[in-house]
N, C-alpha and C. Protein backbone atom coordinates (compact mmCIF):
# COMPACT_ATOMS: atom_id res chain seq x y z
N MET A 1 120.14 138.43 79.02
CA MET A 1 118.86 137.83 79.37
C MET A 1 119.10 136.45 79.98
N SER A 2 118.40 136.15 81.04
CA SER A 2 118.57 134.88 81.73
C SER A 2 117.81 133.75 81.04
N ARG A 3 118.32 132.56 81.19
CA ARG A 3 117.61 131.39 80.67
C ARG A 3 116.49 130.96 81.61
N TRP A 4 116.43 131.54 82.81
CA TRP A 4 115.44 131.16 83.82
C TRP A 4 114.15 131.95 83.64
N ARG A 5 113.02 131.23 83.77
CA ARG A 5 111.70 131.85 83.72
C ARG A 5 110.86 131.31 84.87
N GLU A 6 110.03 132.15 85.41
CA GLU A 6 109.17 131.70 86.51
C GLU A 6 108.08 130.79 86.00
N TYR A 7 107.72 129.82 86.84
CA TYR A 7 106.54 129.02 86.55
C TYR A 7 105.31 129.92 86.59
N SER A 8 104.30 129.59 85.80
CA SER A 8 103.03 130.31 85.86
C SER A 8 102.29 129.94 87.15
N ARG A 9 101.30 130.69 87.50
CA ARG A 9 100.50 130.41 88.70
C ARG A 9 99.90 129.00 88.62
N GLU A 10 99.40 128.63 87.45
CA GLU A 10 98.80 127.30 87.27
C GLU A 10 99.85 126.21 87.45
N GLN A 11 101.06 126.44 86.96
CA GLN A 11 102.13 125.45 87.11
C GLN A 11 102.58 125.34 88.56
N VAL A 12 102.63 126.46 89.28
CA VAL A 12 102.96 126.41 90.71
C VAL A 12 101.88 125.62 91.46
N ASP A 13 100.63 125.85 91.11
CA ASP A 13 99.53 125.10 91.74
C ASP A 13 99.68 123.60 91.46
N ALA A 14 100.06 123.25 90.23
CA ALA A 14 100.26 121.83 89.88
C ALA A 14 101.42 121.24 90.68
N LEU A 15 102.49 121.99 90.84
CA LEU A 15 103.62 121.52 91.64
C LEU A 15 103.19 121.31 93.09
N ALA A 16 102.44 122.26 93.63
CA ALA A 16 102.00 122.17 95.02
C ALA A 16 101.07 120.98 95.24
N SER A 17 100.18 120.74 94.30
CA SER A 17 99.21 119.66 94.48
C SER A 17 99.83 118.27 94.31
N SER A 18 101.00 118.21 93.68
CA SER A 18 101.64 116.91 93.47
C SER A 18 102.92 116.76 94.29
N ALA A 19 103.11 117.64 95.25
CA ALA A 19 104.36 117.62 96.03
C ALA A 19 104.48 116.35 96.86
N PRO A 20 105.60 115.65 96.74
CA PRO A 20 105.85 114.47 97.57
C PRO A 20 106.26 114.92 98.97
N PRO A 21 106.39 114.00 99.91
CA PRO A 21 106.89 114.37 101.23
C PRO A 21 108.26 115.03 101.11
N ILE A 22 108.56 115.93 102.01
CA ILE A 22 109.85 116.64 101.98
C ILE A 22 111.02 115.67 102.05
N THR A 23 110.81 114.51 102.63
CA THR A 23 111.88 113.52 102.79
C THR A 23 112.20 112.78 101.48
N ASP A 24 111.40 112.96 100.45
CA ASP A 24 111.61 112.29 99.16
C ASP A 24 112.54 113.14 98.29
N PRO A 25 113.76 112.66 98.00
CA PRO A 25 114.72 113.46 97.24
C PRO A 25 114.57 113.35 95.72
N ALA A 26 113.65 112.52 95.26
CA ALA A 26 113.55 112.26 93.82
C ALA A 26 113.10 113.48 93.03
N GLU A 27 113.61 113.58 91.82
CA GLU A 27 113.12 114.60 90.89
C GLU A 27 111.69 114.23 90.53
N ARG A 28 110.93 115.24 90.16
CA ARG A 28 109.55 114.97 89.79
C ARG A 28 109.21 115.61 88.45
N THR A 29 108.02 115.35 87.97
CA THR A 29 107.62 115.79 86.64
C THR A 29 107.32 117.28 86.60
N CYS A 30 107.86 117.93 85.60
CA CYS A 30 107.66 119.37 85.41
C CYS A 30 106.30 119.61 84.76
N PRO A 31 105.48 120.50 85.35
CA PRO A 31 104.18 120.79 84.74
C PRO A 31 104.29 121.64 83.47
N ALA A 32 105.46 122.20 83.20
CA ALA A 32 105.63 123.02 82.00
C ALA A 32 106.11 122.21 80.80
N CYS A 33 107.12 121.35 81.02
CA CYS A 33 107.71 120.64 79.87
C CYS A 33 107.51 119.12 79.92
N GLY A 34 107.08 118.58 81.05
CA GLY A 34 106.82 117.15 81.17
C GLY A 34 108.03 116.30 81.51
N ALA A 35 109.22 116.90 81.58
CA ALA A 35 110.42 116.14 81.92
C ALA A 35 110.45 115.83 83.42
N THR A 36 111.06 114.72 83.77
CA THR A 36 111.26 114.40 85.18
C THR A 36 112.56 115.05 85.61
N ALA A 37 112.47 116.35 85.93
CA ALA A 37 113.67 117.14 86.20
C ALA A 37 113.42 118.28 87.20
N VAL A 38 112.30 118.21 87.95
CA VAL A 38 112.03 119.24 88.95
C VAL A 38 112.79 118.89 90.21
N ARG A 39 113.59 119.83 90.65
CA ARG A 39 114.50 119.64 91.78
C ARG A 39 114.17 120.65 92.87
N LYS A 40 114.69 120.42 94.09
CA LYS A 40 114.41 121.36 95.17
C LYS A 40 115.65 121.62 96.01
N TYR A 41 115.66 122.80 96.61
CA TYR A 41 116.67 123.19 97.57
C TYR A 41 115.97 124.01 98.65
N ILE A 42 116.20 123.65 99.90
CA ILE A 42 115.57 124.33 101.03
C ILE A 42 116.66 124.68 102.04
N TYR A 43 116.59 125.88 102.55
CA TYR A 43 117.48 126.25 103.65
C TYR A 43 116.71 127.07 104.65
N GLU A 44 117.30 127.23 105.81
CA GLU A 44 116.61 127.95 106.87
C GLU A 44 117.41 129.17 107.29
N GLY A 45 116.73 130.23 107.60
CA GLY A 45 117.31 131.46 108.11
C GLY A 45 116.40 131.99 109.20
N SER A 46 116.47 133.27 109.43
CA SER A 46 115.56 133.85 110.41
C SER A 46 115.11 135.22 109.95
N ARG A 47 113.94 135.58 110.40
CA ARG A 47 113.37 136.88 110.12
C ARG A 47 112.64 137.32 111.38
N LEU A 48 112.98 138.48 111.85
CA LEU A 48 112.38 139.01 113.07
C LEU A 48 112.55 138.05 114.25
N GLY A 49 113.70 137.38 114.29
CA GLY A 49 114.01 136.48 115.39
C GLY A 49 113.31 135.14 115.35
N ARG A 50 112.63 134.85 114.26
CA ARG A 50 111.93 133.57 114.11
C ARG A 50 112.51 132.79 112.93
N PRO A 51 112.57 131.45 113.06
CA PRO A 51 113.09 130.67 111.94
C PRO A 51 112.14 130.73 110.74
N ILE A 52 112.73 130.79 109.57
CA ILE A 52 111.96 130.81 108.33
C ILE A 52 112.67 129.92 107.31
N SER A 53 111.90 129.21 106.53
CA SER A 53 112.51 128.37 105.49
C SER A 53 112.35 129.04 104.14
N PHE A 54 113.38 128.88 103.32
CA PHE A 54 113.40 129.39 101.96
C PHE A 54 113.46 128.17 101.04
N SER A 55 112.57 128.11 100.10
CA SER A 55 112.46 126.94 99.24
C SER A 55 112.55 127.36 97.77
N TYR A 56 113.32 126.60 97.01
CA TYR A 56 113.44 126.81 95.58
C TYR A 56 113.14 125.49 94.88
N VAL A 57 112.32 125.54 93.85
CA VAL A 57 112.12 124.38 92.97
C VAL A 57 112.41 124.88 91.55
N TRP A 58 113.05 124.03 90.78
CA TRP A 58 113.39 124.40 89.41
C TRP A 58 113.43 123.17 88.55
N CYS A 59 113.25 123.38 87.27
CA CYS A 59 113.34 122.30 86.29
C CYS A 59 114.69 122.37 85.62
N GLY A 60 115.44 121.29 85.71
CA GLY A 60 116.75 121.22 85.08
C GLY A 60 116.66 121.10 83.57
N ASN A 61 115.46 120.90 83.03
CA ASN A 61 115.28 120.77 81.59
C ASN A 61 114.86 122.09 80.93
N CYS A 62 113.75 122.66 81.39
CA CYS A 62 113.23 123.87 80.74
C CYS A 62 113.57 125.17 81.49
N HIS A 63 114.21 125.05 82.65
CA HIS A 63 114.71 126.18 83.42
C HIS A 63 113.63 127.12 83.92
N ARG A 64 112.51 126.52 84.31
CA ARG A 64 111.50 127.30 85.02
C ARG A 64 111.75 127.10 86.51
N TYR A 65 111.30 128.05 87.31
CA TYR A 65 111.55 127.98 88.74
C TYR A 65 110.44 128.66 89.53
N SER A 66 110.44 128.37 90.81
CA SER A 66 109.57 129.06 91.76
C SER A 66 110.30 129.07 93.09
N SER A 67 109.99 130.06 93.90
CA SER A 67 110.57 130.12 95.24
C SER A 67 109.48 130.53 96.22
N SER A 68 109.68 130.18 97.47
CA SER A 68 108.71 130.54 98.50
C SER A 68 109.39 130.59 99.85
N THR A 69 108.72 131.19 100.79
CA THR A 69 109.17 131.18 102.17
C THR A 69 108.06 130.60 103.02
N GLY A 70 108.44 130.09 104.18
CA GLY A 70 107.45 129.52 105.08
C GLY A 70 108.02 129.43 106.48
N ILE A 71 107.26 128.78 107.33
CA ILE A 71 107.71 128.63 108.71
C ILE A 71 108.96 127.75 108.73
N GLY A 72 109.78 127.94 109.74
CA GLY A 72 110.98 127.14 109.88
C GLY A 72 110.66 125.66 109.97
N ILE A 73 111.56 124.84 109.46
CA ILE A 73 111.32 123.39 109.46
C ILE A 73 112.23 122.63 110.40
N SER A 74 113.21 123.30 110.99
CA SER A 74 114.20 122.56 111.80
C SER A 74 113.63 122.00 113.09
N ASP A 75 112.47 122.46 113.53
CA ASP A 75 111.84 121.85 114.70
C ASP A 75 111.30 120.46 114.37
N HIS A 76 111.07 120.21 113.08
CA HIS A 76 110.44 118.96 112.66
C HIS A 76 111.34 118.05 111.84
N TYR A 77 112.40 118.62 111.24
CA TYR A 77 113.27 117.84 110.36
C TYR A 77 114.73 118.13 110.64
N ASP A 78 115.54 117.10 110.54
CA ASP A 78 116.97 117.26 110.42
C ASP A 78 117.25 117.24 108.92
N PHE A 79 118.16 118.08 108.46
CA PHE A 79 118.48 118.10 107.03
C PHE A 79 119.86 118.70 106.82
N ASP A 80 120.42 118.39 105.68
CA ASP A 80 121.73 118.93 105.35
C ASP A 80 121.55 120.16 104.46
N ASP A 81 122.52 121.05 104.52
CA ASP A 81 122.51 122.22 103.66
C ASP A 81 123.90 122.33 103.04
N PRO A 82 124.00 122.13 101.73
CA PRO A 82 125.31 122.19 101.09
C PRO A 82 125.98 123.56 101.24
N ALA A 83 125.22 124.59 101.59
CA ALA A 83 125.81 125.92 101.79
C ALA A 83 126.68 125.96 103.03
N ASP A 84 126.51 124.99 103.94
CA ASP A 84 127.37 124.94 105.13
C ASP A 84 128.84 124.81 104.74
N ALA A 85 129.11 124.17 103.61
CA ALA A 85 130.48 123.96 103.14
C ALA A 85 130.82 124.80 101.91
N SER A 86 129.91 125.70 101.52
CA SER A 86 130.13 126.45 100.28
C SER A 86 129.86 127.94 100.46
N PRO A 87 130.91 128.73 100.65
CA PRO A 87 130.72 130.18 100.72
C PRO A 87 130.09 130.75 99.44
N THR A 88 130.38 130.14 98.30
CA THR A 88 129.80 130.60 97.04
C THR A 88 128.29 130.45 97.07
N LEU A 89 127.81 129.30 97.50
CA LEU A 89 126.37 129.07 97.57
C LEU A 89 125.72 130.04 98.56
N ARG A 90 126.33 130.22 99.71
CA ARG A 90 125.78 131.17 100.70
C ARG A 90 125.68 132.58 100.12
N SER A 91 126.71 132.99 99.41
CA SER A 91 126.72 134.32 98.82
C SER A 91 125.65 134.48 97.74
N LEU A 92 125.52 133.49 96.88
CA LEU A 92 124.56 133.57 95.78
C LEU A 92 123.13 133.62 96.29
N ARG A 93 122.81 132.89 97.33
CA ARG A 93 121.43 132.87 97.80
C ARG A 93 121.02 134.19 98.44
N ASP A 94 121.99 135.02 98.79
CA ASP A 94 121.68 136.32 99.37
C ASP A 94 121.44 137.42 98.34
N ASP A 95 122.04 137.28 97.15
CA ASP A 95 121.92 138.43 96.25
C ASP A 95 121.97 138.14 94.75
N ASN A 96 121.81 136.88 94.33
CA ASN A 96 121.89 136.60 92.90
C ASN A 96 121.02 135.38 92.57
N LEU A 97 119.73 135.61 92.37
CA LEU A 97 118.80 134.51 92.15
C LEU A 97 119.19 133.64 90.96
N PHE A 98 119.46 134.24 89.82
CA PHE A 98 119.78 133.43 88.64
C PHE A 98 121.12 132.73 88.79
N GLY A 99 122.08 133.39 89.41
CA GLY A 99 123.35 132.73 89.72
C GLY A 99 123.15 131.57 90.67
N LEU A 100 122.26 131.75 91.65
CA LEU A 100 121.94 130.67 92.59
C LEU A 100 121.34 129.48 91.85
N LEU A 101 120.37 129.74 91.00
CA LEU A 101 119.74 128.64 90.26
C LEU A 101 120.75 127.93 89.35
N ASP A 102 121.62 128.69 88.67
CA ASP A 102 122.66 128.07 87.84
C ASP A 102 123.57 127.18 88.69
N HIS A 103 123.97 127.70 89.85
CA HIS A 103 124.88 126.97 90.75
C HIS A 103 124.21 125.70 91.28
N LEU A 104 122.96 125.83 91.74
CA LEU A 104 122.24 124.66 92.25
C LEU A 104 122.07 123.61 91.17
N ASP A 105 121.72 124.04 89.96
CA ASP A 105 121.52 123.11 88.87
C ASP A 105 122.81 122.37 88.54
N ALA A 106 123.94 123.10 88.55
CA ALA A 106 125.24 122.47 88.28
C ALA A 106 125.64 121.51 89.39
N MET A 107 125.21 121.80 90.63
CA MET A 107 125.54 120.93 91.77
C MET A 107 124.71 119.65 91.81
N TRP A 108 123.57 119.62 91.10
CA TRP A 108 122.65 118.50 91.22
C TRP A 108 123.35 117.20 90.85
N GLY A 109 123.21 116.21 91.70
CA GLY A 109 123.82 114.91 91.47
C GLY A 109 125.22 114.78 92.06
N SER A 110 125.75 115.88 92.58
CA SER A 110 127.05 115.84 93.25
C SER A 110 126.80 115.78 94.75
N PRO A 111 127.84 115.61 95.54
CA PRO A 111 127.62 115.62 96.99
C PRO A 111 126.92 116.91 97.42
N GLY A 112 125.86 116.76 98.17
CA GLY A 112 125.12 117.92 98.67
C GLY A 112 123.75 118.08 98.07
N LEU A 113 123.58 117.73 96.82
CA LEU A 113 122.26 117.80 96.19
C LEU A 113 122.00 116.52 95.41
N PRO A 114 120.88 115.89 95.59
CA PRO A 114 119.77 116.36 96.40
C PRO A 114 120.07 116.30 97.90
N GLN A 115 119.39 117.16 98.62
CA GLN A 115 119.52 117.19 100.08
C GLN A 115 118.82 115.99 100.70
N TRP A 116 119.19 115.68 101.93
CA TRP A 116 118.44 114.66 102.67
C TRP A 116 117.67 115.36 103.80
N PHE A 117 116.50 114.85 104.07
CA PHE A 117 115.64 115.32 105.16
C PHE A 117 115.19 114.11 105.94
N ARG A 118 115.20 114.23 107.25
CA ARG A 118 114.78 113.14 108.12
C ARG A 118 113.87 113.73 109.19
N VAL A 119 112.76 113.05 109.45
CA VAL A 119 111.85 113.51 110.50
C VAL A 119 112.60 113.50 111.82
N ARG A 120 112.53 114.61 112.51
CA ARG A 120 113.23 114.74 113.81
C ARG A 120 112.46 113.93 114.87
N LYS A 121 113.18 113.12 115.58
CA LYS A 121 112.60 112.31 116.64
C LYS A 121 112.48 113.14 117.91
N GLY A 122 111.35 112.98 118.61
CA GLY A 122 111.16 113.61 119.92
C GLY A 122 111.15 115.02 119.85
C-alpha cells in the first residue's frame, strides 16, 4: 500500500484558489494537514502534436497529491526540468506515479527542485 493519497476535491479547490504565480518556488500551506510543505513539479510534453503541460503538487508532510494537465507553458515561460539530466525521473513520470512522487519528494531542496520559472520575453 502506498503512503500517497489524493487530495479531496475540496482540497484541490483550496489549492487552486490560493495558487501563487508559477514563478514563485516557495512551498505553500497544505489544505489537508496545515503544514507549509506543498511542492510542485511541472514538465512539458506533447499530445496530438500540441504542447501540453503536466503538473504535480504534493505535500511533503502528509503525502497527499494532485496532478493535472493543461496547455503548454513554454510559449510564455522559460523553466528548468530536472528530468533533462535524470533518466530515472523521465522513466518514473511515464509509468510509476507513486515512484515519481517519492523521487520528487526526495529531490526537494537539492539541485533541480524547486524548479525555476521565468516569464519569457518577447
